[in-house]
């Protein structure tokens, strides 16, 4: 497996979210928060999902259910560099 290329703004939680969805399929922040691998609240996971959605690593499927995009899969495989994607900021993401 190739080393992942994270962006400076990414948190370890972002990778955990992507890994969880890759392993278990579509998921909500609440589902992820119940997993022992997470120590974040559903609200915080939702915020990170919104950041990942901004750069198109995840996409909302229904309500707050998220799934990986092709770019998200490629990131997990170490095939894309997250630094080459737009930097999400709260003002851009939560407008």
C-alpha atoms as a PDB file:
ATOM      1  CA  UNK A   1       0.000   0.000   0.000  1.00  0.00           C
ATOM      2  CA  UNK A   2       1.271   3.435  -0.933  1.00  0.00           C
ATOM      3  CA  UNK A   3       1.610   6.135   1.713  1.00  0.00           C
ATOM      4  CA  UNK A   4      -1.338   8.530   1.851  1.00  0.00           C
ATOM      5  CA  UNK A   5      -0.759  12.161   0.983  1.00  0.00           C
ATOM      6  CA  UNK A   6      -2.794  14.230   3.460  1.00  0.00           C
ATOM      7  CA  UNK A   7      -3.312  17.971   3.256  1.00  0.00           C
ATOM      8  CA  UNK A   8      -2.060  20.221   6.057  1.00  0.00           C
ATOM      9  CA  UNK A   9      -5.642  20.955   7.163  1.00  0.00           C
ATOM     10  CA  UNK A  10      -6.654  17.300   7.476  1.00  0.00           C
ATOM     11  CA  UNK A  11      -7.060  15.637  10.859  1.00  0.00           C
ATOM     12  CA  UNK A  12      -6.535  12.029  11.822  1.00  0.00           C
ATOM     13  CA  UNK A  13     -10.311  11.868  12.240  1.00  0.00           C
ATOM     14  CA  UNK A  14     -10.719  12.511   8.498  1.00  0.00           C
ATOM     15  CA  UNK A  15      -8.762   9.379   7.663  1.00  0.00           C
ATOM     16  CA  UNK A  16     -10.716   7.372  10.253  1.00  0.00           C
ATOM     17  CA  UNK A  17     -13.971   8.493   8.623  1.00  0.00           C
ATOM     18  CA  UNK A  18     -12.757   7.469   5.166  1.00  0.00           C
ATOM     19  CA  UNK A  19     -11.455   4.135   6.464  1.00  0.00           C
ATOM     20  CA  UNK A  20     -14.727   3.399   8.265  1.00  0.00           C
ATOM     21  CA  UNK A  21     -16.812   4.074   5.169  1.00  0.00           C
ATOM     22  CA  UNK A  22     -14.439   2.023   3.003  1.00  0.00           C
ATOM     23  CA  UNK A  23     -14.707  -0.891   5.435  1.00  0.00           C
ATOM     24  CA  UNK A  24     -18.396  -0.780   6.347  1.00  0.00           C
ATOM     25  CA  UNK A  25     -19.994   1.028   3.428  1.00  0.00           C
ATOM     26  CA  UNK A  26     -22.235   4.056   3.679  1.00  0.00           C
ATOM     27  CA  UNK A  27     -22.497   5.508   7.181  1.00  0.00           C
ATOM     28  CA  UNK A  28     -23.889   8.376   9.194  1.00  0.00           C
ATOM     29  CA  UNK A  29     -21.866  10.393  11.717  1.00  0.00           C
ATOM     30  CA  UNK A  30     -23.973   8.811  14.473  1.00  0.00           C
ATOM     31  CA  UNK A  31     -23.076   5.299  13.281  1.00  0.00           C
ATOM     32  CA  UNK A  32     -19.391   6.193  13.211  1.00  0.00           C
ATOM     33  CA  UNK A  33     -19.488   7.804  16.672  1.00  0.00           C
ATOM     34  CA  UNK A  34     -20.777   4.527  18.134  1.00  0.00           C
ATOM     35  CA  UNK A  35     -17.675   2.700  16.854  1.00  0.00           C
ATOM     36  CA  UNK A  36     -14.929   2.359  19.475  1.00  0.00           C
ATOM     37  CA  UNK A  37     -12.334   3.567  16.952  1.00  0.00           C
ATOM     38  CA  UNK A  38     -13.861   7.055  17.256  1.00  0.00           C
ATOM     39  CA  UNK A  39     -13.645   9.377  20.232  1.00  0.00           C
ATOM     40  CA  UNK A  40     -15.487  12.231  18.501  1.00  0.00           C
ATOM     41  CA  UNK A  41     -19.120  13.228  18.835  1.00  0.00           C
ATOM     42  CA  UNK A  42     -21.563  12.754  15.955  1.00  0.00           C
ATOM     43  CA  UNK A  43     -21.585  16.553  15.531  1.00  0.00           C
ATOM     44  CA  UNK A  44     -17.819  16.753  15.162  1.00  0.00           C
ATOM     45  CA  UNK A  45     -17.802  13.806  12.743  1.00  0.00           C
ATOM     46  CA  UNK A  46     -20.518  15.549  10.720  1.00  0.00           C
ATOM     47  CA  UNK A  47     -18.365  18.702  10.527  1.00  0.00           C
ATOM     48  CA  UNK A  48     -15.411  16.673   9.237  1.00  0.00           C
ATOM     49  CA  UNK A  49     -17.677  14.899   6.737  1.00  0.00           C
ATOM     50  CA  UNK A  50     -18.696  18.327   5.429  1.00  0.00           C
ATOM     51  CA  UNK A  51     -15.011  19.202   4.955  1.00  0.00           C
ATOM     52  CA  UNK A  52     -14.431  15.912   3.132  1.00  0.00           C
ATOM     53  CA  UNK A  53     -17.521  16.543   1.017  1.00  0.00           C
ATOM     54  CA  UNK A  54     -16.168  19.971   0.031  1.00  0.00           C
ATOM     55  CA  UNK A  55     -13.126  18.316  -1.539  1.00  0.00           C
ATOM     56  CA  UNK A  56     -15.285  15.483  -2.898  1.00  0.00           C
ATOM     57  CA  UNK A  57     -13.760  12.611  -0.924  1.00  0.00           C
ATOM     58  CA  UNK A  58     -17.235  11.688   0.368  1.00  0.00           C
ATOM     59  CA  UNK A  59     -20.719  12.435  -0.869  1.00  0.00           C
ATOM     60  CA  UNK A  60     -24.033  12.585   0.934  1.00  0.00           C
ATOM     61  CA  UNK A  61     -26.320   9.787  -0.182  1.00  0.00           C
ATOM     62  CA  UNK A  62     -29.443  10.407   1.874  1.00  0.00           C
ATOM     63  CA  UNK A  63     -29.895  12.872   4.725  1.00  0.00           C
ATOM     64  CA  UNK A  64     -26.651  12.539   6.705  1.00  0.00           C
ATOM     65  CA  UNK A  65     -25.564   9.207   5.159  1.00  0.00           C
ATOM     66  CA  UNK A  66     -22.174   9.442   3.420  1.00  0.00           C
ATOM     67  CA  UNK A  67     -20.342   7.254   0.933  1.00  0.00           C
ATOM     68  CA  UNK A  68     -16.859   7.410  -0.580  1.00  0.00           C
ATOM     69  CA  UNK A  69     -16.259   8.967  -3.953  1.00  0.00           C
ATOM     70  CA  UNK A  70     -13.687   7.773  -6.450  1.00  0.00           C
ATOM     71  CA  UNK A  71     -11.319  10.480  -5.181  1.00  0.00           C
ATOM     72  CA  UNK A  72     -11.823   9.290  -1.609  1.00  0.00           C
ATOM     73  CA  UNK A  73     -10.941   5.749  -2.612  1.00  0.00           C
ATOM     74  CA  UNK A  74      -7.897   6.965  -4.543  1.00  0.00           C
ATOM     75  CA  UNK A  75      -6.778   8.979  -1.496  1.00  0.00           C
ATOM     76  CA  UNK A  76      -6.997   5.915   0.735  1.00  0.00           C
ATOM     77  CA  UNK A  77      -4.950   3.992  -1.827  1.00  0.00           C
ATOM     78  CA  UNK A  78      -2.292   6.739  -1.822  1.00  0.00           C
ATOM     79  CA  UNK A  79      -2.991   7.603  -5.453  1.00  0.00           C
ATOM     80  CA  UNK A  80      -3.981  11.266  -4.989  1.00  0.00           C
ATOM     81  CA  UNK A  81      -2.469  14.093  -2.967  1.00  0.00           C
ATOM     82  CA  UNK A  82      -5.044  15.938  -0.865  1.00  0.00           C
ATOM     83  CA  UNK A  83      -2.887  19.091  -1.050  1.00  0.00           C
ATOM     84  CA  UNK A  84      -3.998  19.470  -4.676  1.00  0.00           C
ATOM     85  CA  UNK A  85      -7.640  19.909  -3.668  1.00  0.00           C
ATOM     86  CA  UNK A  86      -9.233  23.193  -2.592  1.00  0.00           C
ATOM     87  CA  UNK A  87      -8.708  24.025   1.074  1.00  0.00           C
ATOM     88  CA  UNK A  88     -12.035  23.848   2.923  1.00  0.00           C
ATOM     89  CA  UNK A  89     -12.711  26.623   5.385  1.00  0.00           C
ATOM     90  CA  UNK A  90     -15.787  27.042   7.559  1.00  0.00           C
ATOM     91  CA  UNK A  91     -16.923  30.050   5.525  1.00  0.00           C
ATOM     92  CA  UNK A  92     -16.779  27.987   2.320  1.00  0.00           C
ATOM     93  CA  UNK A  93     -18.140  24.752   3.724  1.00  0.00           C
ATOM     94  CA  UNK A  94     -20.993  25.939   5.949  1.00  0.00           C
ATOM     95  CA  UNK A  95     -22.485  28.642   3.742  1.00  0.00           C
END
